[in-house]
Amino acid sequence: MATARSEFRCLLGSEIICLASFDPHQTLLDFLRLEKGLTGTKEGCAEGDCGACTVLLGRLENSKIHYQPVNACIVPLGIIDSTQVLTVEHLADPEPHPVQQAMAQAHGSQCGFCTPGIVMSLAGLHYDCDAGHANPDHQTLSDTLAGNLCRCTGYGSIMSAAGTACVQPLPGQSRSLRSIAHRVLDEWDQDDTFLNMSGPLGSFAIPTDLETLWQTQRTYPDAQLIAGATDVGLWINKHHQRFESIINLSHVAELKRIEHTQNTLKIGATATVAQGLEQMTDLAPDLGPLLRRFGSAQVRAQATFGGNIANGSPIGDLAPVLIALGATLHLVSPDHQRSIALEDFFVDYGKQDLAPGEIVHTISIPDDAFTQLQCWKISKRFDQDISAVCGAFCLHVTGGTIISARVAFGGMASTPQRARHCEEALVGQNADCTSLEPAAAALKHDFAPITDMRASASYRTDVARGLLERCLRTLGGDPLELLYPVSKAPGLSAHD
């Protein structure tokens, strides 16, 4: 079992930072600006939407340093223990970074407030391109910048700058920072310690295995559990919530694993959406476009599968899809473990079937080659928006007949929910639009949606019917245009 360490540590550029105590509610953004004087990182929305506060977080993965952009405004400082943080100030030494040069030459910066965050997102992509993990094609650039909102609408020039910069060699300063991170983070990884800090403003712990987690929970029985903290960061920033103690689950080895064994994909609760994107897309191609609209690159780097499920949001995008795929949830506590169908986990609004002391351990998804999944997210804007309705359809078709159906929606009820009456109406019917009317009528028995700031009840009802029709038309071989076509125009963004 790992040894407890009472001192927080991180690399800030090439500087080792050690803290005997800190406020567990302090964000990385406030630490950078207020304590370290690194004011290039800006505060915009303070809720992880605009990207002005984007910094790079360097982690050691498979003996290599991997950089990902994160929203510093919603990252509690404790989360970055044993990582490297890079801000815009670390890029230009002594010469401007290729991204900075290209942004200036292409006139990609206007008011300049959002520019540092844009530069950091592209600097992260530049690292990936240098390592051979990405190509700076139009779609990759659009995905990379989806979490950075330009107030001056200079997307065309920003995209031009991005394309120019990311094919340039990695500068010496960037290589040096990566080399330093590899050496220091590897040393820290080998010392087999975990942070367990207690101070006057609260406690923060990051256990590295389940045994240590249970021991830590006995010490802090009322601790707030976090992983990516993309929700809890908002509670702290916007609702000013405070906790006596926080336990970060993201380093617990048993909860991080992603395994594809025989006919099942198993995803650990603290695996991030970014880590699971490729495996989920391989499972069902429709999941790729949906998951790329799951927040932004900054959010996907932090948000976890278990966190998105455990918070029980009726408009979370993962739950409807996983329900349609027939996912099983595995729960554990210090003295027992159990498994339940995912749809049974959601009891009511804000209430899940989670006993005291239990946590989400793993999500198991059957890999059925004969099942076709279709799913769509409908929101007011394409990028960086919460769903009004998310529909997922998993139908098994043989000889043109639907022999089984799993249909689930988010945004249509107080929890993510299966449309069981609709499923019953579909089974045994033709896999085409002749099945639409009875199945659509059955939806009215499944859901009584509400009107709120995201959509009216009538709109949600119409959208659910429309997505069902789209599913059946596709199964029937009716050619359909892409619901979300990707812009191919040179120098333009999918934002435009």
Protein backbone atom coordinates (compact mmCIF):
# COMPACT_ATOMS: atom_id res chain seq x y z
CA MET A 1 0.00 0.00 0.00
CA ALA A 2 1.25 3.49 -0.83
CA THR A 3 2.60 5.81 1.87
CA ALA A 4 0.76 9.02 2.74
CA ARG A 5 2.49 12.28 1.85
CA SER A 6 1.38 15.53 3.53
CA GLU A 7 3.03 17.91 1.04
CA PHE A 8 1.47 18.94 -2.26
CA ARG A 9 3.82 19.04 -5.26
CA CYS A 10 3.69 19.98 -8.91
CA LEU A 11 5.83 21.32 -11.71
CA LEU A 12 4.96 24.83 -12.84
CA GLY A 13 6.86 25.01 -16.10
CA SER A 14 10.32 23.93 -14.90
CA GLU A 15 9.83 25.08 -11.28
CA ILE A 16 9.03 22.52 -8.59
CA ILE A 17 6.23 23.81 -6.33
CA CYS A 18 5.80 22.33 -2.84
CA LEU A 19 3.03 23.36 -0.44
CA ALA A 20 2.61 22.19 3.14
CA SER A 21 -1.06 23.22 3.00
CA PHE A 22 -3.51 24.96 0.69
CA ASP A 23 -7.20 25.76 0.45
CA PRO A 24 -8.82 22.66 -1.12
CA HIS A 25 -11.38 24.97 -2.74
CA GLN A 26 -8.81 27.15 -4.47
CA THR A 27 -8.85 26.75 -8.23
CA LEU A 28 -5.77 26.33 -10.36
CA LEU A 29 -6.68 29.61 -12.07
CA ASP A 30 -6.62 31.60 -8.83
CA PHE A 31 -3.36 29.96 -7.78
CA LEU A 32 -1.72 30.92 -11.07
CA ARG A 33 -2.97 34.50 -11.16
CA LEU A 34 -3.10 35.51 -7.51
CA GLU A 35 -0.20 33.58 -6.01
CA LYS A 36 2.21 33.06 -8.90
CA GLY A 37 1.52 36.26 -10.84
CA LEU A 38 0.95 34.38 -14.11
CA THR A 39 -1.79 36.66 -15.38
CA GLY A 40 -1.61 35.58 -19.02
CA THR A 41 -4.21 32.95 -18.08
CA LYS A 42 -7.55 34.81 -18.09
CA GLU A 43 -10.80 34.37 -16.19
CA GLY A 44 -13.78 34.60 -18.51
CA CYS A 45 -16.87 32.59 -17.66
CA ALA A 46 -15.47 30.84 -14.55
CA GLU A 47 -17.51 27.76 -15.46
CA GLY A 48 -15.43 25.92 -18.04
CA ASP A 49 -17.18 27.20 -21.16
CA CYS A 50 -15.16 29.96 -22.80
CA GLY A 51 -11.64 28.51 -22.69
CA ALA A 52 -9.88 31.79 -21.81
CA CYS A 53 -8.29 30.05 -18.80
CA THR A 54 -6.94 27.08 -20.78
CA VAL A 55 -3.60 25.70 -19.59
CA LEU A 56 -1.79 22.46 -20.40
CA LEU A 57 -1.62 19.69 -17.85
CA GLY A 58 1.25 17.26 -18.38
CA ARG A 59 0.80 13.75 -17.00
CA LEU A 60 3.04 10.67 -17.16
CA GLU A 61 1.21 7.96 -19.11
CA ASN A 62 2.92 4.76 -20.25
CA SER A 63 6.32 6.29 -19.47
CA LYS A 64 5.67 9.31 -21.70
CA ILE A 65 4.52 12.85 -20.98
CA HIS A 66 1.12 13.57 -22.46
CA TYR A 67 -0.24 17.13 -22.49
CA GLN A 68 -3.94 17.95 -22.41
CA PRO A 69 -5.73 21.30 -22.25
CA VAL A 70 -7.86 21.90 -19.15
CA ASN A 71 -10.03 24.76 -17.91
CA ALA A 72 -8.07 26.14 -14.95
CA CYS A 73 -11.17 27.91 -13.61
CA ILE A 74 -12.87 24.65 -12.58
CA VAL A 75 -9.83 22.57 -11.64
CA PRO A 76 -9.30 22.44 -7.86
CA LEU A 77 -5.61 22.98 -7.15
CA GLY A 78 -5.21 19.60 -5.42
CA ILE A 79 -6.06 17.74 -8.63
CA ILE A 80 -2.80 18.80 -10.27
CA ASP A 81 -0.63 17.12 -7.62
CA SER A 82 2.33 15.34 -9.27
CA THR A 83 1.65 16.86 -12.71
CA GLN A 84 3.23 19.63 -14.79
CA VAL A 85 1.31 22.82 -15.58
CA LEU A 86 2.19 24.97 -18.58
CA THR A 87 0.78 28.45 -19.07
CA VAL A 88 1.18 30.88 -21.94
CA GLU A 89 4.15 32.44 -20.12
CA HIS A 90 6.10 29.20 -20.47
CA LEU A 91 5.91 29.04 -24.27
CA ALA A 92 8.06 31.98 -25.42
CA ASP A 93 11.63 31.61 -24.15
CA PRO A 94 13.46 33.23 -25.75
CA GLU A 95 11.52 33.26 -29.04
CA PRO A 96 7.73 33.13 -29.44
CA HIS A 97 6.25 29.67 -29.86
CA PRO A 98 5.25 28.75 -33.47
CA VAL A 99 1.59 29.07 -32.47
CA GLN A 100 2.19 32.58 -31.11
CA GLN A 101 4.09 33.57 -34.25
CA ALA A 102 1.39 32.21 -36.55
CA MET A 103 -1.40 33.90 -34.57
CA ALA A 104 0.37 37.26 -34.94
CA GLN A 105 1.15 36.81 -38.64
CA ALA A 106 -2.38 35.64 -39.51
CA HIS A 107 -4.00 38.41 -37.42
CA GLY A 108 -5.64 35.74 -35.25
CA SER A 109 -5.66 37.99 -32.18
CA GLN A 110 -8.01 40.95 -31.94
CA CYS A 111 -9.07 42.05 -28.45
CA GLY A 112 -6.58 39.48 -27.14
CA PHE A 113 -8.52 38.38 -24.05
CA CYS A 114 -9.23 34.88 -25.34
CA THR A 115 -5.93 34.55 -27.22
CA PRO A 116 -3.83 32.93 -24.45
CA GLY A 117 -6.36 30.12 -24.07
CA ILE A 118 -6.48 29.59 -27.83
CA VAL A 119 -2.69 29.51 -27.97
CA MET A 120 -2.54 26.92 -25.19
CA SER A 121 -5.09 24.64 -26.88
CA LEU A 122 -3.08 24.78 -30.11
CA ALA A 123 0.20 24.30 -28.23
CA GLY A 124 -1.25 21.07 -26.83
CA LEU A 125 -2.16 19.94 -30.34
CA HIS A 126 1.36 20.91 -31.47
CA TYR A 127 2.80 18.53 -28.87
CA ASP A 128 0.47 15.77 -30.12
CA CYS A 129 1.43 16.38 -33.74
CA ASP A 130 5.12 16.24 -32.84
CA ALA A 131 4.57 12.91 -31.06
CA GLY A 132 2.67 11.51 -34.05
CA HIS A 133 -0.61 11.29 -32.15
CA ALA A 134 -2.53 13.78 -34.30
CA ASN A 135 -2.63 15.42 -37.72
CA PRO A 136 -3.60 19.09 -38.05
CA ASP A 137 -6.41 18.50 -40.53
CA HIS A 138 -9.50 20.70 -40.61
CA GLN A 139 -11.63 18.47 -38.38
CA THR A 140 -8.87 18.05 -35.78
CA LEU A 141 -8.33 21.80 -35.64
CA SER A 142 -12.06 22.42 -35.23
CA ASP A 143 -12.29 19.83 -32.43
CA THR A 144 -9.23 21.31 -30.73
CA LEU A 145 -10.66 24.86 -30.78
CA ALA A 146 -14.26 23.94 -29.96
CA GLY A 147 -13.71 24.86 -26.31
CA ASN A 148 -12.24 28.29 -27.04
CA LEU A 149 -14.81 30.98 -27.77
CA CYS A 150 -13.38 33.96 -29.66
CA ARG A 151 -15.18 37.14 -28.66
CA CYS A 152 -14.08 38.92 -31.83
CA THR A 153 -15.25 36.13 -34.18
CA GLY A 154 -11.83 35.75 -35.76
CA TYR A 155 -12.23 32.03 -36.40
CA GLY A 156 -11.05 32.09 -40.00
CA SER A 157 -7.71 33.69 -39.19
CA ILE A 158 -7.30 31.54 -36.08
CA MET A 159 -7.83 28.37 -38.14
CA SER A 160 -5.30 29.59 -40.71
CA ALA A 161 -2.77 30.24 -37.96
CA ALA A 162 -3.44 26.83 -36.43
CA GLY A 163 -2.86 25.01 -39.68
CA THR A 164 0.41 26.85 -40.25
CA ALA A 165 1.76 26.43 -36.71
CA CYS A 166 1.06 22.78 -36.07
CA VAL A 167 3.23 21.56 -38.95
CA GLN A 168 6.26 23.44 -37.59
CA PRO A 169 8.97 21.65 -35.59
CA LEU A 170 8.62 21.64 -31.84
CA PRO A 171 10.81 24.48 -30.47
CA GLY A 172 13.67 23.85 -28.07
CA GLN A 173 11.83 25.40 -25.11
CA SER A 174 8.91 23.00 -25.52
CA ARG A 175 11.24 20.02 -25.80
CA SER A 176 13.10 21.17 -22.70
CA LEU A 177 9.90 21.52 -20.68
CA ARG A 178 8.79 18.05 -21.74
CA SER A 179 12.19 16.57 -20.85
CA ILE A 180 12.14 18.15 -17.40
CA ALA A 181 8.61 16.89 -16.82
CA HIS A 182 9.58 13.36 -17.84
CA ARG A 183 12.47 13.28 -15.37
CA VAL A 184 10.66 14.83 -12.41
CA LEU A 185 7.29 13.12 -12.86
CA ASP A 186 9.00 9.75 -13.31
CA GLU A 187 10.86 10.25 -10.02
CA TRP A 188 7.60 11.11 -8.28
CA ASP A 189 5.86 8.13 -9.85
CA GLN A 190 8.51 5.81 -8.43
CA ASP A 191 8.28 7.00 -4.81
CA ASP A 192 4.93 5.24 -4.21
CA THR A 193 3.32 8.00 -2.16
CA PHE A 194 -0.09 9.66 -2.26
CA LEU A 195 -1.22 13.10 -1.15
CA ASN A 196 -3.10 13.21 2.16
CA MET A 197 -2.98 16.84 3.25
CA SER A 198 -4.91 18.31 6.18
CA GLY A 199 -4.82 22.02 6.94
CA PRO A 200 -6.83 24.79 8.61
CA LEU A 201 -9.01 25.23 5.52
CA GLY A 202 -9.77 21.55 4.95
CA SER A 203 -8.34 18.22 3.85
CA PHE A 204 -7.48 16.89 0.39
CA ALA A 205 -6.50 13.29 -0.36
CA ILE A 206 -5.64 11.40 -3.53
CA PRO A 207 -5.52 7.65 -2.78
CA THR A 208 -3.93 5.38 -5.38
CA ASP A 209 -5.73 2.07 -4.73
CA LEU A 210 -9.01 0.87 -3.25
CA GLU A 211 -7.49 -0.24 0.06
CA THR A 212 -6.06 3.24 0.59
CA LEU A 213 -9.37 4.78 -0.49
CA TRP A 214 -11.36 2.84 2.12
CA GLN A 215 -8.82 3.79 4.79
CA THR A 216 -9.01 7.46 3.74
CA GLN A 217 -12.81 7.40 3.81
CA ARG A 218 -12.71 6.08 7.37
CA THR A 219 -10.62 9.12 8.26
CA TYR A 220 -12.88 11.53 6.34
CA PRO A 221 -16.32 9.83 6.33
CA ASP A 222 -18.14 12.93 5.02
CA ALA A 223 -15.63 13.78 2.31
CA GLN A 224 -16.82 15.04 -1.07
CA LEU A 225 -15.69 12.57 -3.73
CA ILE A 226 -14.39 13.98 -7.01
CA ALA A 227 -12.62 12.69 -10.10
CA GLY A 228 -12.48 15.27 -12.90
CA ALA A 229 -14.41 17.82 -10.80
CA THR A 230 -16.04 19.36 -13.88
CA ASP A 231 -19.27 19.59 -11.86
CA VAL A 232 -17.82 20.15 -8.39
CA GLY A 233 -15.68 22.95 -9.80
CA LEU A 234 -18.92 24.72 -10.68
CA TRP A 235 -20.37 24.08 -7.23
CA ILE A 236 -17.31 25.76 -5.74
CA ASN A 237 -17.18 28.68 -8.20
CA LYS A 238 -20.84 29.42 -8.76
CA HIS A 239 -22.58 28.17 -5.61
CA HIS A 240 -19.68 28.82 -3.22
CA GLN A 241 -20.01 25.37 -1.68
CA ARG A 242 -17.37 24.36 0.84
CA PHE A 243 -16.37 20.91 2.07
CA GLU A 244 -14.41 19.92 5.16
CA SER A 245 -12.59 17.30 3.12
CA ILE A 246 -12.24 16.22 -0.51
CA ILE A 247 -11.10 12.85 -1.84
CA ASN A 248 -9.97 12.68 -5.45
CA LEU A 249 -10.59 9.22 -6.97
CA SER A 250 -8.81 9.83 -10.26
CA HIS A 251 -5.57 8.08 -9.22
CA VAL A 252 -7.18 4.88 -7.86
CA ALA A 253 -5.63 2.26 -10.14
CA GLU A 254 -8.60 -0.14 -10.06
CA LEU A 255 -10.96 2.61 -11.26
CA LYS A 256 -8.85 3.82 -14.22
CA ARG A 257 -8.77 0.69 -16.38
CA ILE A 258 -10.28 0.26 -19.81
CA GLU A 259 -10.41 -3.35 -20.98
CA HIS A 260 -11.95 -5.02 -24.04
CA THR A 261 -12.37 -8.70 -23.18
CA GLN A 262 -14.29 -11.16 -25.36
CA ASN A 263 -17.71 -9.56 -25.90
CA THR A 264 -17.54 -6.82 -23.28
CA LEU A 265 -15.98 -3.37 -23.07
CA LYS A 266 -15.21 -2.51 -19.44
CA ILE A 267 -14.60 1.14 -18.58
CA GLY A 268 -13.37 2.16 -15.15
CA ALA A 269 -15.30 4.88 -13.39
CA THR A 270 -12.44 7.38 -13.42
CA ALA A 271 -11.40 6.80 -17.02
CA THR A 272 -11.84 10.13 -18.77
CA VAL A 273 -14.02 10.66 -21.80
CA ALA A 274 -10.86 11.51 -23.77
CA GLN A 275 -9.29 8.19 -22.78
CA GLY A 276 -12.36 6.16 -23.72
CA LEU A 277 -13.31 7.98 -26.92
CA GLU A 278 -11.46 5.68 -29.32
CA GLN A 279 -12.73 2.45 -27.72
CA MET A 280 -16.30 3.73 -27.60
CA THR A 281 -16.15 4.82 -31.23
CA ASP A 282 -14.87 1.38 -32.21
CA LEU A 283 -17.82 -0.13 -30.35
CA ALA A 284 -20.36 1.93 -32.29
CA PRO A 285 -19.34 4.51 -34.93
CA ASP A 286 -22.21 6.86 -34.02
CA LEU A 287 -20.59 7.40 -30.63
CA GLY A 288 -17.66 9.27 -32.15
CA PRO A 289 -19.62 12.38 -33.25
CA LEU A 290 -21.60 12.36 -29.99
CA LEU A 291 -18.56 12.14 -27.72
CA ARG A 292 -16.75 14.85 -29.67
CA ARG A 293 -19.63 17.12 -28.68
CA PHE A 294 -19.29 16.07 -25.04
CA GLY A 295 -18.18 19.43 -23.69
CA SER A 296 -14.86 20.36 -25.26
CA ALA A 297 -11.35 18.92 -25.41
CA GLN A 298 -10.70 20.67 -22.08
CA VAL A 299 -13.76 19.08 -20.48
CA ARG A 300 -13.19 15.62 -21.99
CA ALA A 301 -9.65 15.63 -20.58
CA GLN A 302 -11.08 15.85 -17.06
CA ALA A 303 -14.65 14.49 -17.16
CA THR A 304 -14.98 10.81 -16.25
CA PHE A 305 -17.47 8.12 -17.25
CA GLY A 306 -18.33 7.33 -13.65
CA GLY A 307 -18.70 10.96 -12.70
CA ASN A 308 -21.09 11.69 -15.55
CA ILE A 309 -23.23 8.74 -14.49
CA ALA A 310 -23.02 9.13 -10.71
CA ASN A 311 -24.24 12.73 -10.72
CA GLY A 312 -27.51 11.47 -12.22
CA SER A 313 -28.17 14.45 -14.47
CA PRO A 314 -31.30 13.98 -16.63
CA ILE A 315 -29.45 15.73 -19.49
CA GLY A 316 -26.12 13.90 -19.25
CA ASP A 317 -25.13 12.56 -22.67
CA LEU A 318 -23.47 9.28 -21.66
CA ALA A 319 -26.33 7.65 -19.76
CA PRO A 320 -28.93 7.43 -22.60
CA VAL A 321 -26.39 5.88 -24.95
CA LEU A 322 -25.08 3.42 -22.39
CA ILE A 323 -28.63 2.44 -21.42
CA ALA A 324 -29.46 1.78 -25.06
CA LEU A 325 -26.32 -0.36 -25.33
CA GLY A 326 -27.44 -2.46 -22.35
CA ALA A 327 -24.69 -1.33 -19.98
CA THR A 328 -24.28 -2.78 -16.49
CA LEU A 329 -23.01 -0.75 -13.56
CA HIS A 330 -20.69 -2.36 -11.01
CA LEU A 331 -20.71 -0.80 -7.55
CA VAL A 332 -18.29 -1.45 -4.68
CA SER A 333 -17.90 -0.56 -1.02
CA PRO A 334 -15.43 -1.71 1.64
CA ASP A 335 -17.52 -4.81 2.44
CA HIS A 336 -19.47 -5.75 -0.68
CA GLN A 337 -19.94 -5.36 -4.41
CA ARG A 338 -23.00 -5.58 -6.66
CA SER A 339 -24.07 -5.08 -10.25
CA ILE A 340 -27.22 -3.46 -11.62
CA ALA A 341 -28.57 -2.53 -15.03
CA LEU A 342 -27.67 1.08 -15.67
CA GLU A 343 -31.28 2.16 -16.21
CA ASP A 344 -32.12 0.91 -12.68
CA PHE A 345 -29.46 3.15 -11.14
CA PHE A 346 -31.49 6.33 -11.72
CA VAL A 347 -34.27 6.38 -9.13
CA ASP A 348 -35.55 9.96 -9.35
CA TYR A 349 -34.25 13.46 -9.99
CA GLY A 350 -31.04 13.82 -7.97
CA LYS A 351 -31.44 10.34 -6.47
CA GLN A 352 -29.47 7.26 -7.50
CA ASP A 353 -29.43 3.68 -6.22
CA LEU A 354 -26.16 4.21 -4.36
CA ALA A 355 -25.90 2.95 -0.79
CA PRO A 356 -23.80 4.78 1.83
CA GLY A 357 -20.12 4.03 1.23
CA GLU A 358 -20.66 2.73 -2.31
CA ILE A 359 -18.91 4.07 -5.35
CA VAL A 360 -19.18 3.35 -9.07
CA HIS A 361 -16.37 0.96 -10.00
CA THR A 362 -16.85 -0.08 -13.63
CA ILE A 363 -19.29 0.18 -16.53
CA SER A 364 -19.63 -2.99 -18.63
CA ILE A 365 -20.95 -2.65 -22.19
CA PRO A 366 -21.79 -5.70 -24.30
CA ASP A 367 -20.06 -5.74 -27.67
CA ASP A 368 -22.78 -7.13 -29.95
CA ALA A 369 -21.71 -7.09 -33.60
CA PHE A 370 -25.33 -7.58 -34.75
CA THR A 371 -26.65 -4.52 -32.96
CA GLN A 372 -26.87 -1.16 -34.66
CA LEU A 373 -26.68 1.97 -32.50
CA GLN A 374 -27.84 5.37 -33.64
CA CYS A 375 -27.68 8.40 -31.38
CA TRP A 376 -28.05 12.15 -31.69
CA LYS A 377 -27.62 15.12 -29.40
CA ILE A 378 -29.85 18.14 -29.98
CA SER A 379 -28.81 21.44 -28.41
CA LYS A 380 -29.09 25.16 -29.09
CA ARG A 381 -25.56 25.41 -30.42
CA PHE A 382 -23.25 22.78 -31.86
CA ASP A 383 -20.23 23.06 -29.56
CA GLN A 384 -20.05 23.46 -25.81
CA ASP A 385 -23.75 23.15 -25.02
CA ILE A 386 -25.90 20.93 -22.85
CA SER A 387 -28.50 18.76 -24.58
CA ALA A 388 -32.12 19.69 -24.87
CA VAL A 389 -32.72 16.08 -25.97
CA CYS A 390 -30.33 13.17 -26.46
CA GLY A 391 -31.79 10.09 -28.17
CA ALA A 392 -30.21 6.65 -28.50
CA PHE A 393 -31.60 3.72 -30.48
CA CYS A 394 -30.15 0.21 -30.35
CA LEU A 395 -32.17 -2.07 -32.64
CA HIS A 396 -31.53 -5.66 -33.65
CA VAL A 397 -32.84 -6.26 -37.15
CA THR A 398 -33.12 -9.61 -38.92
CA GLY A 399 -34.62 -10.01 -42.37
CA GLY A 400 -35.99 -6.47 -42.31
CA THR A 401 -37.84 -7.05 -39.03
CA ILE A 402 -37.01 -5.48 -35.68
CA ILE A 403 -36.57 -8.40 -33.28
CA SER A 404 -35.38 -6.41 -30.26
CA ALA A 405 -35.14 -2.75 -29.34
CA ARG A 406 -33.57 -0.62 -26.64
CA VAL A 407 -34.47 3.07 -26.86
CA ALA A 408 -33.37 5.70 -24.32
CA PHE A 409 -33.60 9.46 -24.01
CA GLY A 410 -32.03 12.19 -21.94
CA GLY A 411 -33.86 15.47 -21.37
CA MET A 412 -37.31 13.87 -21.61
CA ALA A 413 -37.83 13.00 -17.92
CA SER A 414 -36.38 13.63 -14.47
CA THR A 415 -33.74 10.97 -15.15
CA PRO A 416 -32.20 9.35 -18.24
CA GLN A 417 -34.82 6.77 -19.10
CA ARG A 418 -35.71 3.88 -21.39
CA ALA A 419 -38.71 4.27 -23.68
CA ARG A 420 -40.22 0.87 -22.91
CA HIS A 421 -43.61 1.46 -24.55
CA CYS A 422 -41.85 2.63 -27.71
CA GLU A 423 -39.64 -0.47 -27.64
CA GLU A 424 -42.68 -2.74 -27.38
CA ALA A 425 -44.31 -0.96 -30.30
CA LEU A 426 -41.19 -1.46 -32.47
CA VAL A 427 -40.52 -5.16 -31.84
CA GLY A 428 -41.91 -7.35 -34.60
CA GLN A 429 -42.43 -4.42 -36.97
CA ASN A 430 -40.71 -3.58 -40.23
CA ALA A 431 -37.41 -1.75 -39.91
CA ASP A 432 -38.66 1.28 -41.83
CA CYS A 433 -41.03 4.21 -41.48
CA THR A 434 -44.12 2.04 -41.54
CA SER A 435 -43.38 1.50 -37.84
CA LEU A 436 -43.19 5.21 -37.04
CA GLU A 437 -46.76 6.10 -36.06
CA PRO A 438 -47.39 3.38 -33.46
CA ALA A 439 -43.89 3.81 -31.99
CA ALA A 440 -44.22 7.61 -31.88
CA ALA A 441 -47.62 7.33 -30.22
CA ALA A 442 -46.08 5.02 -27.61
CA LEU A 443 -43.50 7.69 -26.75
CA LYS A 444 -46.33 9.75 -25.25
CA HIS A 445 -46.86 6.99 -22.70
CA ASP A 446 -43.16 6.91 -21.87
CA PHE A 447 -42.50 10.61 -21.32
CA ALA A 448 -44.16 13.80 -20.12
CA PRO A 449 -41.33 16.30 -20.70
CA ILE A 450 -41.16 19.68 -19.01
CA THR A 451 -40.51 23.18 -20.31
CA ASP A 452 -37.34 24.83 -19.07
CA MET A 453 -34.61 27.20 -20.26
CA ARG A 454 -33.26 24.66 -22.75
CA ALA A 455 -36.47 23.71 -24.57
CA SER A 456 -40.24 23.60 -24.32
CA ALA A 457 -42.14 20.40 -23.62
CA SER A 458 -43.70 20.46 -27.09
CA TYR A 459 -40.31 20.95 -28.74
CA ARG A 460 -38.86 18.00 -26.84
CA THR A 461 -41.80 15.83 -27.87
CA ASP A 462 -41.37 16.81 -31.52
CA VAL A 463 -37.61 16.21 -31.38
CA ALA A 464 -38.04 12.74 -29.86
CA ARG A 465 -40.43 11.81 -32.65
CA GLY A 466 -38.09 13.29 -35.25
CA LEU A 467 -35.12 11.30 -34.00
CA LEU A 468 -37.20 8.12 -33.99
CA GLU A 469 -38.22 8.83 -37.60
CA ARG A 470 -34.60 9.47 -38.53
CA CYS A 471 -33.60 6.13 -37.02
CA LEU A 472 -36.30 4.22 -38.89
CA ARG A 473 -35.60 5.99 -42.19
CA THR A 474 -31.95 5.07 -41.88
CA LEU A 475 -32.78 1.42 -41.17
CA GLY A 476 -35.11 1.41 -44.14
CA GLY A 477 -32.31 2.48 -46.47
CA ASP A 478 -33.66 5.98 -47.01
CA PRO A 479 -30.60 8.17 -47.80
CA LEU A 480 -30.26 11.03 -45.33
CA GLU A 481 -28.04 14.05 -45.18
CA LEU A 482 -25.71 14.27 -42.21
CA LEU A 483 -27.45 15.93 -39.29
CA TYR A 484 -24.21 17.69 -38.40
CA PRO A 485 -22.16 18.06 -41.60
CA VAL A 486 -18.53 19.06 -41.18
CA SER A 487 -17.45 22.20 -42.99
CA LYS A 488 -14.72 21.47 -45.52
CA ALA A 489 -14.09 25.03 -46.60
CA PRO A 490 -10.41 25.97 -46.22
CA GLY A 491 -9.75 28.48 -43.45
CA LEU A 492 -13.27 28.24 -42.01
CA SER A 493 -14.39 26.65 -38.79
CA ALA A 494 -17.40 24.52 -37.97
CA HIS A 495 -18.32 27.42 -35.66
CA ASP A 496 -19.00 29.73 -38.59
